[in-house]
C-alpha atoms as a PDB file:
ATOM      1  CA  UNK A   1      -3.941   6.097  18.831  1.00  0.00           C
ATOM      2  CA  UNK A   2      -7.164   7.936  17.654  1.00  0.00           C
ATOM      3  CA  UNK A   3      -9.866   6.659  15.688  1.00  0.00           C
ATOM      4  CA  UNK A   4      -8.464   8.358  12.430  1.00  0.00           C
ATOM      5  CA  UNK A   5      -4.982   6.767  12.991  1.00  0.00           C
ATOM      6  CA  UNK A   6      -6.288   3.643  13.221  1.00  0.00           C
ATOM      7  CA  UNK A   7      -8.488   3.959  10.279  1.00  0.00           C
ATOM      8  CA  UNK A   8      -6.048   5.242   7.948  1.00  0.00           C
ATOM      9  CA  UNK A   9      -2.852   3.370   9.232  1.00  0.00           C
ATOM     10  CA  UNK A  10      -1.256   6.262  10.587  1.00  0.00           C
ATOM     11  CA  UNK A  11       0.840   5.204  13.227  1.00  0.00           C
ATOM     12  CA  UNK A  12       4.541   4.835  14.614  1.00  0.00           C
ATOM     13  CA  UNK A  13       6.921   5.985  11.592  1.00  0.00           C
ATOM     14  CA  UNK A  14       8.450   3.133   9.836  1.00  0.00           C
ATOM     15  CA  UNK A  15      11.532   3.788   7.093  1.00  0.00           C
ATOM     16  CA  UNK A  16       9.653   2.882   3.945  1.00  0.00           C
ATOM     17  CA  UNK A  17      12.860   3.141   1.930  1.00  0.00           C
ATOM     18  CA  UNK A  18      14.397   0.346   4.243  1.00  0.00           C
ATOM     19  CA  UNK A  19      11.412  -1.833   3.876  1.00  0.00           C
ATOM     20  CA  UNK A  20      11.623  -1.469   0.001  1.00  0.00           C
ATOM     21  CA  UNK A  21      15.140  -2.413  -0.433  1.00  0.00           C
ATOM     22  CA  UNK A  22      14.410  -5.250   1.860  1.00  0.00           C
ATOM     23  CA  UNK A  23      11.957  -6.326  -0.910  1.00  0.00           C
ATOM     24  CA  UNK A  24       8.693  -5.107   0.420  1.00  0.00           C
ATOM     25  CA  UNK A  25       5.783  -4.867  -2.207  1.00  0.00           C
ATOM     26  CA  UNK A  26       4.262  -1.952  -3.368  1.00  0.00           C
ATOM     27  CA  UNK A  27       0.527  -2.301  -3.797  1.00  0.00           C
ATOM     28  CA  UNK A  28      -0.869   0.852  -5.793  1.00  0.00           C
ATOM     29  CA  UNK A  29      -4.640   0.930  -5.225  1.00  0.00           C
ATOM     30  CA  UNK A  30      -5.592   3.173  -7.551  1.00  0.00           C
ATOM     31  CA  UNK A  31      -7.222   2.752 -10.597  1.00  0.00           C
ATOM     32  CA  UNK A  32      -5.561   1.379 -13.645  1.00  0.00           C
ATOM     33  CA  UNK A  33      -6.208   4.649 -15.542  1.00  0.00           C
ATOM     34  CA  UNK A  34      -4.469   6.497 -12.794  1.00  0.00           C
ATOM     35  CA  UNK A  35      -1.732   4.032 -12.593  1.00  0.00           C
ATOM     36  CA  UNK A  36      -1.278   4.347 -16.393  1.00  0.00           C
ATOM     37  CA  UNK A  37      -0.440   7.819 -16.051  1.00  0.00           C
ATOM     38  CA  UNK A  38       2.388   7.551 -13.598  1.00  0.00           C
ATOM     39  CA  UNK A  39       3.342   5.032 -10.866  1.00  0.00           C
ATOM     40  CA  UNK A  40       6.494   3.777  -8.895  1.00  0.00           C
ATOM     41  CA  UNK A  41       8.539   1.416 -10.975  1.00  0.00           C
ATOM     42  CA  UNK A  42       7.821  -2.525  -9.831  1.00  0.00           C
ATOM     43  CA  UNK A  43       4.897  -1.566  -7.976  1.00  0.00           C
ATOM     44  CA  UNK A  44       1.693  -3.841  -8.466  1.00  0.00           C
ATOM     45  CA  UNK A  45      -1.812  -2.593  -9.496  1.00  0.00           C
ATOM     46  CA  UNK A  46      -4.853  -3.455  -7.895  1.00  0.00           C
ATOM     47  CA  UNK A  47      -7.638  -1.138  -7.478  1.00  0.00           C
ATOM     48  CA  UNK A  48      -8.947  -0.795  -4.115  1.00  0.00           C
ATOM     49  CA  UNK A  49     -12.558  -1.661  -5.271  1.00  0.00           C
ATOM     50  CA  UNK A  50     -10.993  -5.069  -6.575  1.00  0.00           C
ATOM     51  CA  UNK A  51      -8.874  -6.006  -3.835  1.00  0.00           C
ATOM     52  CA  UNK A  52     -10.924  -8.142  -1.768  1.00  0.00           C
ATOM     53  CA  UNK A  53     -11.275 -10.282  -4.874  1.00  0.00           C
ATOM     54  CA  UNK A  54      -7.495 -10.306  -5.736  1.00  0.00           C
ATOM     55  CA  UNK A  55      -5.809 -10.562  -2.635  1.00  0.00           C
ATOM     56  CA  UNK A  56      -5.375 -14.279  -2.602  1.00  0.00           C
ATOM     57  CA  UNK A  57      -2.690 -13.401  -5.266  1.00  0.00           C
ATOM     58  CA  UNK A  58      -0.685 -11.492  -2.425  1.00  0.00           C
ATOM     59  CA  UNK A  59       1.675 -13.410  -0.083  1.00  0.00           C
ATOM     60  CA  UNK A  60       0.881 -12.880   3.543  1.00  0.00           C
ATOM     61  CA  UNK A  61       4.286 -13.147   4.599  1.00  0.00           C
ATOM     62  CA  UNK A  62       5.317 -10.709   2.798  1.00  0.00           C
ATOM     63  CA  UNK A  63       5.881  -6.693   3.776  1.00  0.00           C
ATOM     64  CA  UNK A  64       3.409  -4.773   1.653  1.00  0.00           C
ATOM     65  CA  UNK A  65       3.193  -1.010   1.362  1.00  0.00           C
ATOM     66  CA  UNK A  66       0.110   0.692   0.087  1.00  0.00           C
ATOM     67  CA  UNK A  67      -0.391   3.645  -1.630  1.00  0.00           C
ATOM     68  CA  UNK A  68      -2.716   5.445  -3.806  1.00  0.00           C
ATOM     69  CA  UNK A  69      -3.215   9.058  -4.756  1.00  0.00           C
ATOM     70  CA  UNK A  70      -3.326  11.020  -1.381  1.00  0.00           C
ATOM     71  CA  UNK A  71      -3.382   7.962   1.421  1.00  0.00           C
ATOM     72  CA  UNK A  72      -7.035   7.657   1.808  1.00  0.00           C
ATOM     73  CA  UNK A  73      -7.378   4.570  -0.307  1.00  0.00           C
ATOM     74  CA  UNK A  74      -4.317   3.249   0.497  1.00  0.00           C
ATOM     75  CA  UNK A  75      -5.259   3.625   4.341  1.00  0.00           C
ATOM     76  CA  UNK A  76      -8.655   1.421   3.220  1.00  0.00           C
ATOM     77  CA  UNK A  77      -6.701  -1.240   1.622  1.00  0.00           C
ATOM     78  CA  UNK A  78      -4.451  -1.295   4.428  1.00  0.00           C
ATOM     79  CA  UNK A  79      -7.168  -1.997   6.677  1.00  0.00           C
ATOM     80  CA  UNK A  80      -8.614  -4.787   4.351  1.00  0.00           C
ATOM     81  CA  UNK A  81      -5.584  -6.562   3.981  1.00  0.00           C
ATOM     82  CA  UNK A  82      -5.090  -6.239   7.934  1.00  0.00           C
ATOM     83  CA  UNK A  83      -8.400  -7.747   8.493  1.00  0.00           C
ATOM     84  CA  UNK A  84      -7.685 -10.593   6.321  1.00  0.00           C
ATOM     85  CA  UNK A  85      -4.565 -11.830   8.069  1.00  0.00           C
ATOM     86  CA  UNK A  86      -1.799  -9.937   6.402  1.00  0.00           C
ATOM     87  CA  UNK A  87       0.524  -8.717   9.096  1.00  0.00           C
ATOM     88  CA  UNK A  88       2.988  -6.447   7.742  1.00  0.00           C
ATOM     89  CA  UNK A  89       1.219  -3.910   6.035  1.00  0.00           C
ATOM     90  CA  UNK A  90       2.080  -0.211   5.878  1.00  0.00           C
ATOM     91  CA  UNK A  91       0.062   2.647   4.488  1.00  0.00           C
ATOM     92  CA  UNK A  92       2.665   4.729   2.161  1.00  0.00           C
ATOM     93  CA  UNK A  93      -0.048   7.323   1.329  1.00  0.00           C
ATOM     94  CA  UNK A  94       0.691   9.229  -2.042  1.00  0.00           C
ATOM     95  CA  UNK A  95       2.463   7.240  -4.688  1.00  0.00           C
ATOM     96  CA  UNK A  96       4.292  10.075  -5.786  1.00  0.00           C
ATOM     97  CA  UNK A  97       5.666  10.363  -2.102  1.00  0.00           C
ATOM     98  CA  UNK A  98       7.204   6.623  -2.823  1.00  0.00           C
ATOM     99  CA  UNK A  99       9.089   7.531  -6.365  1.00  0.00           C
ATOM    100  CA  UNK A 100      11.863   8.246  -4.492  1.00  0.00           C
ATOM    101  CA  UNK A 101      12.636   4.715  -3.442  1.00  0.00           C
ATOM    102  CA  UNK A 102      12.332   3.495  -6.901  1.00  0.00           C
ATOM    103  CA  UNK A 103      14.368   0.390  -7.526  1.00  0.00           C
END
């Protein structure tokens, strides 16, 4: 696995739809303004620059799928969560690509 793959959480493909159907949390790390402009129904918005201070509100035993506008910030958020003991975290990339899995 290359350095970019590790950095952005790109790895073996997982079935995001299945994870969402099983109760995964969709964590949108865009700004509140971006989130207000459109988001996945049922997602949680914690901007990436606030994540470190707000991650205590997330459960470490839940599957989390991060998303943003393009996959860059969600990759960084995934890394932050993994570094802080969250085990099952996946970079979902763009929030728009997750809309098809809305509950």
